[in-house]
PDB file of N, CA and C in Angstrom:
ATOM      1  N   UNK A   1     -16.171   3.331  13.149  1.00  0.00           N
ATOM      2  CA  UNK A   1     -14.726   3.530  13.128  1.00  0.00           C
ATOM      3  C   UNK A   1     -14.152   3.024  11.810  1.00  0.00           C
ATOM      4  N   UNK A   2     -13.341   3.846  11.165  1.00  0.00           N
ATOM      5  CA  UNK A   2     -12.746   3.505   9.886  1.00  0.00           C
ATOM      6  C   UNK A   2     -11.396   2.839  10.120  1.00  0.00           C
ATOM      7  N   UNK A   3     -11.124   1.787   9.371  1.00  0.00           N
ATOM      8  CA  UNK A   3      -9.823   1.151   9.476  1.00  0.00           C
ATOM      9  C   UNK A   3      -9.371   0.609   8.138  1.00  0.00           C
ATOM     10  N   UNK A   4      -8.052   0.406   8.032  1.00  0.00           N
ATOM     11  CA  UNK A   4      -7.427  -0.196   6.859  1.00  0.00           C
ATOM     12  C   UNK A   4      -6.769  -1.489   7.300  1.00  0.00           C
ATOM     13  N   UNK A   5      -6.966  -2.546   6.537  1.00  0.00           N
ATOM     14  CA  UNK A   5      -6.365  -3.837   6.862  1.00  0.00           C
ATOM     15  C   UNK A   5      -5.604  -4.348   5.649  1.00  0.00           C
ATOM     16  N   UNK A   6      -4.281  -4.516   5.817  1.00  0.00           N
ATOM     17  CA  UNK A   6      -3.431  -5.018   4.735  1.00  0.00           C
ATOM     18  C   UNK A   6      -3.336  -6.541   4.795  1.00  0.00           C
ATOM     19  N   UNK A   7      -3.028  -7.124   3.653  1.00  0.00           N
ATOM     20  CA  UNK A   7      -2.758  -8.552   3.569  1.00  0.00           C
ATOM     21  C   UNK A   7      -1.874  -8.804   2.355  1.00  0.00           C
ATOM     22  N   UNK A   8      -1.296 -10.003   2.303  1.00  0.00           N
ATOM     23  CA  UNK A   8      -0.529 -10.386   1.130  1.00  0.00           C
ATOM     24  C   UNK A   8       0.972 -10.399   1.311  1.00  0.00           C
ATOM     25  N   UNK A   9       1.461  -9.966   2.454  1.00  0.00           N
ATOM     26  CA  UNK A   9       2.893  -9.993   2.678  1.00  0.00           C
ATOM     27  C   UNK A   9       3.392 -11.412   2.883  1.00  0.00           C
ATOM     28  N   UNK A  10       4.720 -11.550   2.953  1.00  0.00           N
ATOM     29  CA  UNK A  10       5.285 -12.872   3.177  1.00  0.00           C
ATOM     30  C   UNK A  10       6.734 -12.936   2.763  1.00  0.00           C
ATOM     31  N   UNK A  11       7.201 -14.167   2.564  1.00  0.00           N
ATOM     32  CA  UNK A  11       8.576 -14.423   2.162  1.00  0.00           C
ATOM     33  C   UNK A  11       8.607 -14.774   0.682  1.00  0.00           C
ATOM     34  N   UNK A  12       9.604 -14.236  -0.016  1.00  0.00           N
ATOM     35  CA  UNK A  12       9.740 -14.530  -1.439  1.00  0.00           C
ATOM     36  C   UNK A  12      11.213 -14.446  -1.808  1.00  0.00           C
ATOM     37  N   UNK A  13      11.617 -15.209  -2.804  1.00  0.00           N
ATOM     38  CA  UNK A  13      12.990 -15.127  -3.276  1.00  0.00           C
ATOM     39  C   UNK A  13      13.165 -13.942  -4.214  1.00  0.00           C
ATOM     40  N   UNK A  14      14.380 -13.477  -4.305  1.00  0.00           N
ATOM     41  CA  UNK A  14      14.674 -12.370  -5.224  1.00  0.00           C
ATOM     42  C   UNK A  14      14.216 -12.737  -6.628  1.00  0.00           C
ATOM     43  N   UNK A  15      13.601 -11.770  -7.287  1.00  0.00           N
ATOM     44  CA  UNK A  15      13.061 -11.995  -8.620  1.00  0.00           C
ATOM     45  C   UNK A  15      11.604 -12.404  -8.619  1.00  0.00           C
ATOM     46  N   UNK A  16      11.085 -12.732  -7.444  1.00  0.00           N
ATOM     47  CA  UNK A  16       9.699 -13.165  -7.329  1.00  0.00           C
ATOM     48  C   UNK A  16       8.721 -12.015  -7.255  1.00  0.00           C
ATOM     49  N   UNK A  17       7.459 -12.365  -7.037  1.00  0.00           N
ATOM     50  CA  UNK A  17       6.386 -11.374  -7.014  1.00  0.00           C
ATOM     51  C   UNK A  17       5.487 -11.580  -5.807  1.00  0.00           C
ATOM     52  N   UNK A  18       4.896 -10.489  -5.371  1.00  0.00           N
ATOM     53  CA  UNK A  18       3.873 -10.517  -4.339  1.00  0.00           C
ATOM     54  C   UNK A  18       2.809  -9.482  -4.684  1.00  0.00           C
ATOM     55  N   UNK A  19       1.601  -9.730  -4.228  1.00  0.00           N
ATOM     56  CA  UNK A  19       0.525  -8.762  -4.396  1.00  0.00           C
ATOM     57  C   UNK A  19      -0.041  -8.420  -3.027  1.00  0.00           C
ATOM     58  N   UNK A  20       0.054  -7.167  -2.662  1.00  0.00           N
ATOM     59  CA  UNK A  20      -0.493  -6.694  -1.410  1.00  0.00           C
ATOM     60  C   UNK A  20      -1.884  -6.123  -1.632  1.00  0.00           C
ATOM     61  N   UNK A  21      -2.738  -6.319  -0.637  1.00  0.00           N
ATOM     62  CA  UNK A  21      -4.080  -5.752  -0.678  1.00  0.00           C
ATOM     63  C   UNK A  21      -4.316  -4.948   0.590  1.00  0.00           C
ATOM     64  N   UNK A  22      -5.171  -3.957   0.469  1.00  0.00           N
ATOM     65  CA  UNK A  22      -5.530  -3.136   1.629  1.00  0.00           C
ATOM     66  C   UNK A  22      -6.996  -2.744   1.487  1.00  0.00           C
ATOM     67  N   UNK A  23      -7.796  -3.191   2.425  1.00  0.00           N
ATOM     68  CA  UNK A  23      -9.231  -2.927   2.371  1.00  0.00           C
ATOM     69  C   UNK A  23      -9.633  -1.955   3.473  1.00  0.00           C
ATOM     70  N   UNK A  24     -10.400  -0.966   3.088  1.00  0.00           N
ATOM     71  CA  UNK A  24     -10.937  -0.004   4.054  1.00  0.00           C
ATOM     72  C   UNK A  24     -12.332  -0.438   4.474  1.00  0.00           C
ATOM     73  N   UNK A  25     -12.622  -0.264   5.748  1.00  0.00           N
ATOM     74  CA  UNK A  25     -13.940  -0.634   6.248  1.00  0.00           C
ATOM     75  C   UNK A  25     -14.405   0.380   7.280  1.00  0.00           C
ATOM     76  N   UNK A  26     -15.694   0.370   7.529  1.00  0.00           N
ATOM     77  CA  UNK A  26     -16.265   1.311   8.481  1.00  0.00           C
ATOM     78  C   UNK A  26     -17.307   2.187   7.807  1.00  0.00           C
ATOM     79  N   UNK A  27     -17.643   3.266   8.482  1.00  0.00           N
ATOM     80  CA  UNK A  27     -18.653   4.190   7.975  1.00  0.00           C
ATOM     81  C   UNK A  27     -17.972   5.188   7.032  1.00  0.00           C
ATOM     82  N   UNK A  28     -17.786   4.752   5.771  1.00  0.00           N
ATOM     83  CA  UNK A  28     -17.009   5.519   4.795  1.00  0.00           C
ATOM     84  C   UNK A  28     -17.937   6.254   3.845  1.00  0.00           C
ATOM     85  N   UNK A  29     -17.711   7.549   3.711  1.00  0.00           N
ATOM     86  CA  UNK A  29     -18.451   8.338   2.732  1.00  0.00           C
ATOM     87  C   UNK A  29     -17.717   8.321   1.389  1.00  0.00           C
ATOM     88  N   UNK A  30     -16.414   8.542   1.421  1.00  0.00           N
ATOM     89  CA  UNK A  30     -15.608   8.511   0.209  1.00  0.00           C
ATOM     90  C   UNK A  30     -14.136   8.359   0.596  1.00  0.00           C
ATOM     91  N   UNK A  31     -13.338   7.902  -0.372  1.00  0.00           N
ATOM     92  CA  UNK A  31     -11.899   7.753  -0.173  1.00  0.00           C
ATOM     93  C   UNK A  31     -11.185   8.545  -1.241  1.00  0.00           C
ATOM     94  N   UNK A  32     -10.297   9.411  -0.850  1.00  0.00           N
ATOM     95  CA  UNK A  32      -9.540  10.212  -1.807  1.00  0.00           C
ATOM     96  C   UNK A  32      -8.291   9.424  -2.206  1.00  0.00           C
ATOM     97  N   UNK A  33      -7.140   9.971  -1.998  1.00  0.00           N
ATOM     98  CA  UNK A  33      -5.912   9.290  -2.387  1.00  0.00           C
ATOM     99  C   UNK A  33      -5.615   8.106  -1.466  1.00  0.00           C
ATOM    100  N   UNK A  34      -5.176   7.012  -2.070  1.00  0.00           N
ATOM    101  CA  UNK A  34      -4.711   5.837  -1.331  1.00  0.00           C
ATOM    102  C   UNK A  34      -3.257   5.600  -1.719  1.00  0.00           C
ATOM    103  N   UNK A  35      -2.516   5.033  -0.795  1.00  0.00           N
ATOM    104  CA  UNK A  35      -1.101   4.839  -1.106  1.00  0.00           C
ATOM    105  C   UNK A  35      -0.470   3.720  -0.312  1.00  0.00           C
ATOM    106  N   UNK A  36       0.726   3.382  -0.744  1.00  0.00           N
ATOM    107  CA  UNK A  36       1.549   2.391  -0.059  1.00  0.00           C
ATOM    108  C   UNK A  36       2.870   3.035   0.348  1.00  0.00           C
ATOM    109  N   UNK A  37       3.279   2.743   1.550  1.00  0.00           N
ATOM    110  CA  UNK A  37       4.562   3.180   2.092  1.00  0.00           C
ATOM    111  C   UNK A  37       5.275   1.941   2.632  1.00  0.00           C
ATOM    112  N   UNK A  38       6.551   2.085   2.877  1.00  0.00           N
ATOM    113  CA  UNK A  38       7.275   0.986   3.504  1.00  0.00           C
ATOM    114  C   UNK A  38       8.324   1.527   4.454  1.00  0.00           C
ATOM    115  N   UNK A  39       8.667   0.685   5.419  1.00  0.00           N
ATOM    116  CA  UNK A  39       9.703   1.044   6.378  1.00  0.00           C
ATOM    117  C   UNK A  39      10.600  -0.156   6.599  1.00  0.00           C
ATOM    118  N   UNK A  40      11.833  -0.012   6.187  1.00  0.00           N
ATOM    119  CA  UNK A  40      12.832  -1.057   6.388  1.00  0.00           C
ATOM    120  C   UNK A  40      13.464  -0.886   7.771  1.00  0.00           C
ATOM    121  N   UNK A  41      14.036  -1.962   8.317  1.00  0.00           N
ATOM    122  CA  UNK A  41      14.665  -1.866   9.642  1.00  0.00           C
ATOM    123  C   UNK A  41      15.724  -0.767   9.686  1.00  0.00           C
ATOM    124  N   UNK A  42      15.596   0.108  10.669  1.00  0.00           N
ATOM    125  CA  UNK A  42      16.572   1.175  10.843  1.00  0.00           C
ATOM    126  C   UNK A  42      16.436   2.343   9.895  1.00  0.00           C
ATOM    127  N   UNK A  43      15.379   2.336   9.087  1.00  0.00           N
ATOM    128  CA  UNK A  43      15.188   3.422   8.118  1.00  0.00           C
ATOM    129  C   UNK A  43      13.847   4.110   8.344  1.00  0.00           C
ATOM    130  N   UNK A  44      13.730   5.286   7.750  1.00  0.00           N
ATOM    131  CA  UNK A  44      12.476   6.021   7.849  1.00  0.00           C
ATOM    132  C   UNK A  44      11.440   5.449   6.883  1.00  0.00           C
ATOM    133  N   UNK A  45      10.178   5.669   7.206  1.00  0.00           N
ATOM    134  CA  UNK A  45       9.115   5.252   6.315  1.00  0.00           C
ATOM    135  C   UNK A  45       9.189   6.068   5.021  1.00  0.00           C
ATOM    136  N   UNK A  46       9.027   5.385   3.889  1.00  0.00           N
ATOM    137  CA  UNK A  46       9.120   6.059   2.602  1.00  0.00           C
ATOM    138  C   UNK A  46       7.912   5.737   1.736  1.00  0.00           C
ATOM    139  N   UNK A  47       7.598   6.692   0.885  1.00  0.00           N
ATOM    140  CA  UNK A  47       6.500   6.531  -0.055  1.00  0.00           C
ATOM    141  C   UNK A  47       6.894   5.573  -1.169  1.00  0.00           C
ATOM    142  N   UNK A  48       5.978   4.668  -1.513  1.00  0.00           N
ATOM    143  CA  UNK A  48       6.188   3.781  -2.656  1.00  0.00           C
ATOM    144  C   UNK A  48       5.335   4.214  -3.833  1.00  0.00           C
ATOM    145  N   UNK A  49       4.042   4.369  -3.609  1.00  0.00           N
ATOM    146  CA  UNK A  49       3.140   4.732  -4.698  1.00  0.00           C
ATOM    147  C   UNK A  49       1.836   5.267  -4.135  1.00  0.00           C
ATOM    148  N   UNK A  50       1.189   6.124  -4.918  1.00  0.00           N
ATOM    149  CA  UNK A  50      -0.133   6.620  -4.560  1.00  0.00           C
ATOM    150  C   UNK A  50      -1.047   6.537  -5.768  1.00  0.00           C
ATOM    151  N   UNK A  51      -2.350   6.546  -5.495  1.00  0.00           N
ATOM    152  CA  UNK A  51      -3.343   6.540  -6.563  1.00  0.00           C
ATOM    153  C   UNK A  51      -4.540   7.360  -6.098  1.00  0.00           C
ATOM    154  N   UNK A  52      -4.987   8.263  -6.963  1.00  0.00           N
ATOM    155  CA  UNK A  52      -6.135   9.090  -6.624  1.00  0.00           C
ATOM    156  C   UNK A  52      -7.431   8.320  -6.881  1.00  0.00           C
ATOM    157  N   UNK A  53      -8.519   8.922  -6.496  1.00  0.00           N
ATOM    158  CA  UNK A  53      -9.819   8.282  -6.697  1.00  0.00           C
ATOM    159  C   UNK A  53     -10.137   8.131  -8.187  1.00  0.00           C
ATOM    160  N   UNK A  54      -9.491   8.939  -9.008  1.00  0.00           N
ATOM    161  CA  UNK A  54      -9.712   8.850 -10.453  1.00  0.00           C
ATOM    162  C   UNK A  54      -8.686   7.969 -11.144  1.00  0.00           C
ATOM    163  N   UNK A  55      -7.771   7.393 -10.356  1.00  0.00           N
ATOM    164  CA  UNK A  55      -6.819   6.461 -10.931  1.00  0.00           C
ATOM    165  C   UNK A  55      -5.492   7.052 -11.365  1.00  0.00           C
ATOM    166  N   UNK A  56      -5.231   8.279 -11.005  1.00  0.00           N
ATOM    167  CA  UNK A  56      -3.940   8.879 -11.338  1.00  0.00           C
ATOM    168  C   UNK A  56      -2.897   8.341 -10.355  1.00  0.00           C
ATOM    169  N   UNK A  57      -1.813   7.825 -10.900  1.00  0.00           N
ATOM    170  CA  UNK A  57      -0.811   7.162 -10.072  1.00  0.00           C
ATOM    171  C   UNK A  57       0.489   7.959 -10.000  1.00  0.00           C
ATOM    172  N   UNK A  58       1.227   7.687  -8.945  1.00  0.00           N
ATOM    173  CA  UNK A  58       2.534   8.308  -8.744  1.00  0.00           C
ATOM    174  C   UNK A  58       3.417   7.272  -8.061  1.00  0.00           C
ATOM    175  N   UNK A  59       4.669   7.154  -8.541  1.00  0.00           N
ATOM    176  CA  UNK A  59       5.575   6.135  -8.024  1.00  0.00           C
ATOM    177  C   UNK A  59       6.888   6.745  -7.567  1.00  0.00           C
ATOM    178  N   UNK A  60       7.453   6.150  -6.522  1.00  0.00           N
ATOM    179  CA  UNK A  60       8.815   6.467  -6.153  1.00  0.00           C
ATOM    180  C   UNK A  60       9.756   5.849  -7.190  1.00  0.00           C
ATOM    181  N   UNK A  61      10.931   6.421  -7.306  1.00  0.00           N
ATOM    182  CA  UNK A  61      11.893   5.906  -8.282  1.00  0.00           C
ATOM    183  C   UNK A  61      12.196   4.427  -8.036  1.00  0.00           C
ATOM    184  N   UNK A  62      12.222   4.013  -6.780  1.00  0.00           N
ATOM    185  CA  UNK A  62      12.554   2.631  -6.437  1.00  0.00           C
ATOM    186  C   UNK A  62      11.486   1.644  -6.887  1.00  0.00           C
ATOM    187  N   UNK A  63      10.277   2.139  -7.120  1.00  0.00           N
ATOM    188  CA  UNK A  63       9.157   1.270  -7.491  1.00  0.00           C
ATOM    189  C   UNK A  63       8.825   1.343  -8.975  1.00  0.00           C
ATOM    190  N   UNK A  64       9.248   2.413  -9.624  1.00  0.00           N
ATOM    191  CA  UNK A  64       8.895   2.636 -11.030  1.00  0.00           C
ATOM    192  C   UNK A  64       9.348   1.471 -11.889  1.00  0.00           C
ATOM    193  N   UNK A  65       8.405   0.935 -12.663  1.00  0.00           N
ATOM    194  CA  UNK A  65       8.731  -0.146 -13.588  1.00  0.00           C
ATOM    195  C   UNK A  65       8.630  -1.544 -12.992  1.00  0.00           C
ATOM    196  N   UNK A  66       8.599  -1.649 -11.659  1.00  0.00           N
ATOM    197  CA  UNK A  66       8.507  -2.974 -11.020  1.00  0.00           C
ATOM    198  C   UNK A  66       7.200  -3.158 -10.254  1.00  0.00           C
ATOM    199  N   UNK A  67       6.711  -2.067  -9.673  1.00  0.00           N
ATOM    200  CA  UNK A  67       5.496  -2.128  -8.860  1.00  0.00           C
ATOM    201  C   UNK A  67       4.347  -1.440  -9.590  1.00  0.00           C
ATOM    202  N   UNK A  68       3.138  -1.951  -9.363  1.00  0.00           N
ATOM    203  CA  UNK A  68       1.944  -1.336  -9.940  1.00  0.00           C
ATOM    204  C   UNK A  68       0.889  -1.175  -8.854  1.00  0.00           C
ATOM    205  N   UNK A  69       0.427   0.055  -8.684  1.00  0.00           N
ATOM    206  CA  UNK A  69      -0.645   0.314  -7.735  1.00  0.00           C
ATOM    207  C   UNK A  69      -1.970   0.394  -8.490  1.00  0.00           C
ATOM    208  N   UNK A  70      -3.013  -0.158  -7.887  1.00  0.00           N
ATOM    209  CA  UNK A  70      -4.340  -0.088  -8.490  1.00  0.00           C
ATOM    210  C   UNK A  70      -5.368  -0.069  -7.361  1.00  0.00           C
ATOM    211  N   UNK A  71      -6.596   0.231  -7.718  1.00  0.00           N
ATOM    212  CA  UNK A  71      -7.633   0.266  -6.691  1.00  0.00           C
ATOM    213  C   UNK A  71      -8.973  -0.160  -7.270  1.00  0.00           C
ATOM    214  N   UNK A  72      -9.813  -0.688  -6.399  1.00  0.00           N
ATOM    215  CA  UNK A  72     -11.182  -1.043  -6.746  1.00  0.00           C
ATOM    216  C   UNK A  72     -12.077  -0.187  -5.855  1.00  0.00           C
ATOM    217  N   UNK A  73     -12.618   0.865  -6.410  1.00  0.00           N
ATOM    218  CA  UNK A  73     -13.399   1.801  -5.605  1.00  0.00           C
ATOM    219  C   UNK A  73     -14.663   1.154  -5.043  1.00  0.00           C
ATOM    220  N   UNK A  74     -15.212   0.212  -5.773  1.00  0.00           N
ATOM    221  CA  UNK A  74     -16.427  -0.455  -5.290  1.00  0.00           C
ATOM    222  C   UNK A  74     -16.150  -1.279  -4.040  1.00  0.00           C
ATOM    223  N   UNK A  75     -14.907  -1.745  -3.914  1.00  0.00           N
ATOM    224  CA  UNK A  75     -14.524  -2.570  -2.771  1.00  0.00           C
ATOM    225  C   UNK A  75     -13.713  -1.792  -1.737  1.00  0.00           C
ATOM    226  N   UNK A  76     -13.511  -0.499  -1.988  1.00  0.00           N
ATOM    227  CA  UNK A  76     -12.681   0.318  -1.086  1.00  0.00           C
ATOM    228  C   UNK A  76     -11.333  -0.348  -0.819  1.00  0.00           C
ATOM    229  N   UNK A  77     -10.733  -0.850  -1.870  1.00  0.00           N
ATOM    230  CA  UNK A  77      -9.503  -1.629  -1.740  1.00  0.00           C
ATOM    231  C   UNK A  77      -8.436  -1.103  -2.691  1.00  0.00           C
ATOM    232  N   UNK A  78      -7.204  -1.067  -2.191  1.00  0.00           N
ATOM    233  CA  UNK A  78      -6.061  -0.702  -3.007  1.00  0.00           C
ATOM    234  C   UNK A  78      -5.100  -1.880  -3.027  1.00  0.00           C
ATOM    235  N   UNK A  79      -4.417  -2.051  -4.154  1.00  0.00           N
ATOM    236  CA  UNK A  79      -3.499  -3.168  -4.345  1.00  0.00           C
ATOM    237  C   UNK A  79      -2.112  -2.642  -4.710  1.00  0.00           C
ATOM    238  N   UNK A  80      -1.118  -3.467  -4.431  1.00  0.00           N
ATOM    239  CA  UNK A  80       0.229  -3.190  -4.882  1.00  0.00           C
ATOM    240  C   UNK A  80       0.810  -4.485  -5.437  1.00  0.00           C
ATOM    241  N   UNK A  81       0.949  -4.540  -6.745  1.00  0.00           N
ATOM    242  CA  UNK A  81       1.583  -5.678  -7.402  1.00  0.00           C
ATOM    243  C   UNK A  81       3.077  -5.408  -7.456  1.00  0.00           C
ATOM    244  N   UNK A  82       3.852  -6.289  -6.860  1.00  0.00           N
ATOM    245  CA  UNK A  82       5.291  -6.099  -6.804  1.00  0.00           C
ATOM    246  C   UNK A  82       5.975  -7.225  -7.568  1.00  0.00           C
ATOM    247  N   UNK A  83       6.701  -6.871  -8.606  1.00  0.00           N
ATOM    248  CA  UNK A  83       7.426  -7.829  -9.435  1.00  0.00           C
ATOM    249  C   UNK A  83       8.927  -7.577  -9.337  1.00  0.00           C
ATOM    250  N   UNK A  84       9.695  -8.568  -9.763  1.00  0.00           N
ATOM    251  CA  UNK A  84      11.160  -8.450  -9.763  1.00  0.00           C
ATOM    252  C   UNK A  84      11.669  -7.956  -8.412  1.00  0.00           C
ATOM    253  N   UNK A  85      11.197  -8.585  -7.367  1.00  0.00           N
ATOM    254  CA  UNK A  85      11.546  -8.139  -6.018  1.00  0.00           C
ATOM    255  C   UNK A  85      13.026  -8.338  -5.730  1.00  0.00           C
ATOM    256  N   UNK A  86      13.563  -7.410  -4.943  1.00  0.00           N
ATOM    257  CA  UNK A  86      14.970  -7.412  -4.581  1.00  0.00           C
ATOM    258  C   UNK A  86      15.084  -7.494  -3.053  1.00  0.00           C
ATOM    259  N   UNK A  87      16.217  -7.969  -2.548  1.00  0.00           N
ATOM    260  CA  UNK A  87      16.388  -8.001  -1.088  1.00  0.00           C
ATOM    261  C   UNK A  87      16.172  -6.638  -0.438  1.00  0.00           C
ATOM    262  N   UNK A  88      16.517  -5.570  -1.122  1.00  0.00           N
ATOM    263  CA  UNK A  88      16.334  -4.237  -0.557  1.00  0.00           C
ATOM    264  C   UNK A  88      14.873  -3.806  -0.503  1.00  0.00           C
ATOM    265  N   UNK A  89      13.974  -4.607  -1.050  1.00  0.00           N
ATOM    266  CA  UNK A  89      12.530  -4.332  -0.904  1.00  0.00           C
ATOM    267  C   UNK A  89      11.996  -4.862   0.421  1.00  0.00           C
ATOM    268  N   UNK A  90      12.838  -5.584   1.163  1.00  0.00           N
ATOM    269  CA  UNK A  90      12.420  -6.104   2.461  1.00  0.00           C
ATOM    270  C   UNK A  90      12.046  -4.965   3.395  1.00  0.00           C
ATOM    271  N   UNK A  91      10.818  -5.009   3.917  1.00  0.00           N
ATOM    272  CA  UNK A  91      10.316  -3.935   4.765  1.00  0.00           C
ATOM    273  C   UNK A  91       8.924  -4.308   5.265  1.00  0.00           C
ATOM    274  N   UNK A  92       8.424  -3.489   6.158  1.00  0.00           N
ATOM    275  CA  UNK A  92       7.004  -3.544   6.499  1.00  0.00           C
ATOM    276  C   UNK A  92       6.290  -2.549   5.596  1.00  0.00           C
ATOM    277  N   UNK A  93       5.265  -3.003   4.928  1.00  0.00           N
ATOM    278  CA  UNK A  93       4.529  -2.177   3.979  1.00  0.00           C
ATOM    279  C   UNK A  93       3.223  -1.716   4.620  1.00  0.00           C
ATOM    280  N   UNK A  94       2.995  -0.415   4.530  1.00  0.00           N
ATOM    281  CA  UNK A  94       1.826   0.195   5.145  1.00  0.00           C
ATOM    282  C   UNK A  94       0.918   0.818   4.081  1.00  0.00           C
ATOM    283  N   UNK A  95      -0.361   0.622   4.287  1.00  0.00           N
ATOM    284  CA  UNK A  95      -1.373   1.245   3.460  1.00  0.00           C
ATOM    285  C   UNK A  95      -1.801   2.564   4.111  1.00  0.00           C
ATOM    286  N   UNK A  96      -2.132   3.531   3.282  1.00  0.00           N
ATOM    287  CA  UNK A  96      -2.533   4.847   3.760  1.00  0.00           C
ATOM    288  C   UNK A  96      -3.674   5.355   2.886  1.00  0.00           C
ATOM    289  N   UNK A  97      -4.618   6.046   3.504  1.00  0.00           N
ATOM    290  CA  UNK A  97      -5.722   6.601   2.715  1.00  0.00           C
ATOM    291  C   UNK A  97      -6.295   7.831   3.409  1.00  0.00           C
ATOM    292  N   UNK A  98      -6.791   8.739   2.607  1.00  0.00           N
ATOM    293  CA  UNK A  98      -7.526   9.896   3.125  1.00  0.00           C
ATOM    294  C   UNK A  98      -9.003   9.563   2.973  1.00  0.00           C
ATOM    295  N   UNK A  99      -9.673   9.404   4.104  1.00  0.00           N
ATOM    296  CA  UNK A  99     -11.036   8.880   4.102  1.00  0.00           C
ATOM    297  C   UNK A  99     -11.983   9.906   4.702  1.00  0.00           C
ATOM    298  N   UNK A 100     -13.084  10.131   3.984  1.00  0.00           N
ATOM    299  CA  UNK A 100     -14.129  11.026   4.505  1.00  0.00           C
ATOM    300  C   UNK A 100     -15.193  10.176   5.183  1.00  0.00           C
ATOM    301  N   UNK A 101     -15.395  10.471   6.432  1.00  0.00           N
ATOM    302  CA  UNK A 101     -16.343   9.693   7.229  1.00  0.00           C
ATOM    303  C   UNK A 101     -17.118  10.652   8.116  1.00  0.00           C
ATOM    304  N   UNK A 102     -17.782  10.108   9.099  1.00  0.00           N
ATOM    305  CA  UNK A 102     -18.484  10.958  10.064  1.00  0.00           C
ATOM    306  C   UNK A 102     -17.453  11.850  10.754  1.00  0.00           C
ATOM    307  N   UNK A 103     -17.703  13.129  10.752  1.00  0.00           N
ATOM    308  CA  UNK A 103     -16.771  14.044  11.398  1.00  0.00           C
ATOM    309  C   UNK A 103     -15.776  14.675  10.465  1.00  0.00           C
ATOM    310  N   UNK A 104     -15.774  14.262   9.196  1.00  0.00           N
ATOM    311  CA  UNK A 104     -14.887  14.880   8.221  1.00  0.00           C
ATOM    312  C   UNK A 104     -13.855  13.937   7.650  1.00  0.00           C
ATOM    313  N   UNK A 105     -12.828  14.503   6.981  1.00  0.00           N
ATOM    314  CA  UNK A 105     -11.783  13.706   6.338  1.00  0.00           C
ATOM    315  C   UNK A 105     -10.573  13.588   7.242  1.00  0.00           C
ATOM    316  N   UNK A 106      -9.964  12.415   7.214  1.00  0.00           N
ATOM    317  CA  UNK A 106      -8.737  12.226   7.969  1.00  0.00           C
ATOM    318  C   UNK A 106      -7.881  11.177   7.309  1.00  0.00           C
ATOM    319  N   UNK A 107      -6.601  11.213   7.646  1.00  0.00           N
ATOM    320  CA  UNK A 107      -5.655  10.250   7.128  1.00  0.00           C
ATOM    321  C   UNK A 107      -5.663   9.017   8.021  1.00  0.00           C
ATOM    322  N   UNK A 108      -5.722   7.861   7.385  1.00  0.00           N
ATOM    323  CA  UNK A 108      -5.788   6.593   8.114  1.00  0.00           C
ATOM    324  C   UNK A 108      -4.637   5.703   7.671  1.00  0.00           C
ATOM    325  N   UNK A 109      -4.023   4.993   8.613  1.00  0.00           N
ATOM    326  CA  UNK A 109      -2.945   4.047   8.333  1.00  0.00           C
ATOM    327  C   UNK A 109      -3.371   2.634   8.702  1.00  0.00           C
ATOM    328  N   UNK A 110      -2.895   1.677   7.924  1.00  0.00           N
ATOM    329  CA  UNK A 110      -3.064   0.285   8.280  1.00  0.00           C
ATOM    330  C   UNK A 110      -2.003  -0.150   9.274  1.00  0.00           C
ATOM    331  N   UNK A 111      -2.086  -1.400   9.688  1.00  0.00           N
ATOM    332  CA  UNK A 111      -1.178  -1.912  10.716  1.00  0.00           C
ATOM    333  C   UNK A 111       0.140  -2.413  10.120  1.00  0.00           C
ATOM    334  N   UNK A 112       0.177  -2.569   8.829  1.00  0.00           N
ATOM    335  CA  UNK A 112       1.395  -3.007   8.150  1.00  0.00           C
ATOM    336  C   UNK A 112       1.406  -4.499   7.867  1.00  0.00           C
ATOM    337  N   UNK A 113       2.077  -4.852   6.787  1.00  0.00           N
ATOM    338  CA  UNK A 113       2.281  -6.250   6.439  1.00  0.00           C
ATOM    339  C   UNK A 113       3.747  -6.424   6.046  1.00  0.00           C
ATOM    340  N   UNK A 114       4.363  -7.489   6.542  1.00  0.00           N
ATOM    341  CA  UNK A 114       5.796  -7.661   6.369  1.00  0.00           C
ATOM    342  C   UNK A 114       6.126  -8.381   5.064  1.00  0.00           C
ATOM    343  N   UNK A 115       7.120  -7.862   4.372  1.00  0.00           N
ATOM    344  CA  UNK A 115       7.627  -8.470   3.142  1.00  0.00           C
ATOM    345  C   UNK A 115       9.119  -8.741   3.334  1.00  0.00           C
ATOM    346  N   UNK A 116       9.514  -9.983   3.106  1.00  0.00           N
ATOM    347  CA  UNK A 116      10.920 -10.364   3.202  1.00  0.00           C
ATOM    348  C   UNK A 116      11.353 -10.993   1.887  1.00  0.00           C
ATOM    349  N   UNK A 117      12.387 -10.425   1.293  1.00  0.00           N
ATOM    350  CA  UNK A 117      12.914 -10.924   0.024  1.00  0.00           C
ATOM    351  C   UNK A 117      14.301 -11.489   0.278  1.00  0.00           C
ATOM    352  N   UNK A 118      14.467 -12.767   0.019  1.00  0.00           N
ATOM    353  CA  UNK A 118      15.761 -13.410   0.246  1.00  0.00           C
ATOM    354  C   UNK A 118      16.589 -13.422  -1.031  1.00  0.00           C
ATOM    355  N   UNK A 119      17.885 -13.354  -0.852  1.00  0.00           N
ATOM    356  CA  UNK A 119      18.787 -13.320  -2.021  1.00  0.00           C
ATOM    357  C   UNK A 119      19.142 -14.718  -2.486  1.00  0.00           C
TER     358      UNK A 119
END
């Protein structure tokens, strides 16, 4: 069974930084695009950033210039470095990946990690 496990969330003051990690485990053949999403209270889940297996990145406007997505293919892990955090970044952050395993490729979600930014 393939799963994603996030870590690194927590409480931080505005202007601070956090680094989120997401590790994939299980019977993995390959991982295509990996990404980070977030969902704030009362809002829909939104895309923050994605990264392909070759390292091509894409950012939402809200993350551009402050957040950096990266991945370690050897560790099946994706990271999100978040700098200059704002109270509006408060949300549950979810990792997402398209993983090829036994039975084919499918989209997998992590359980989420909470980030709270105080003003």
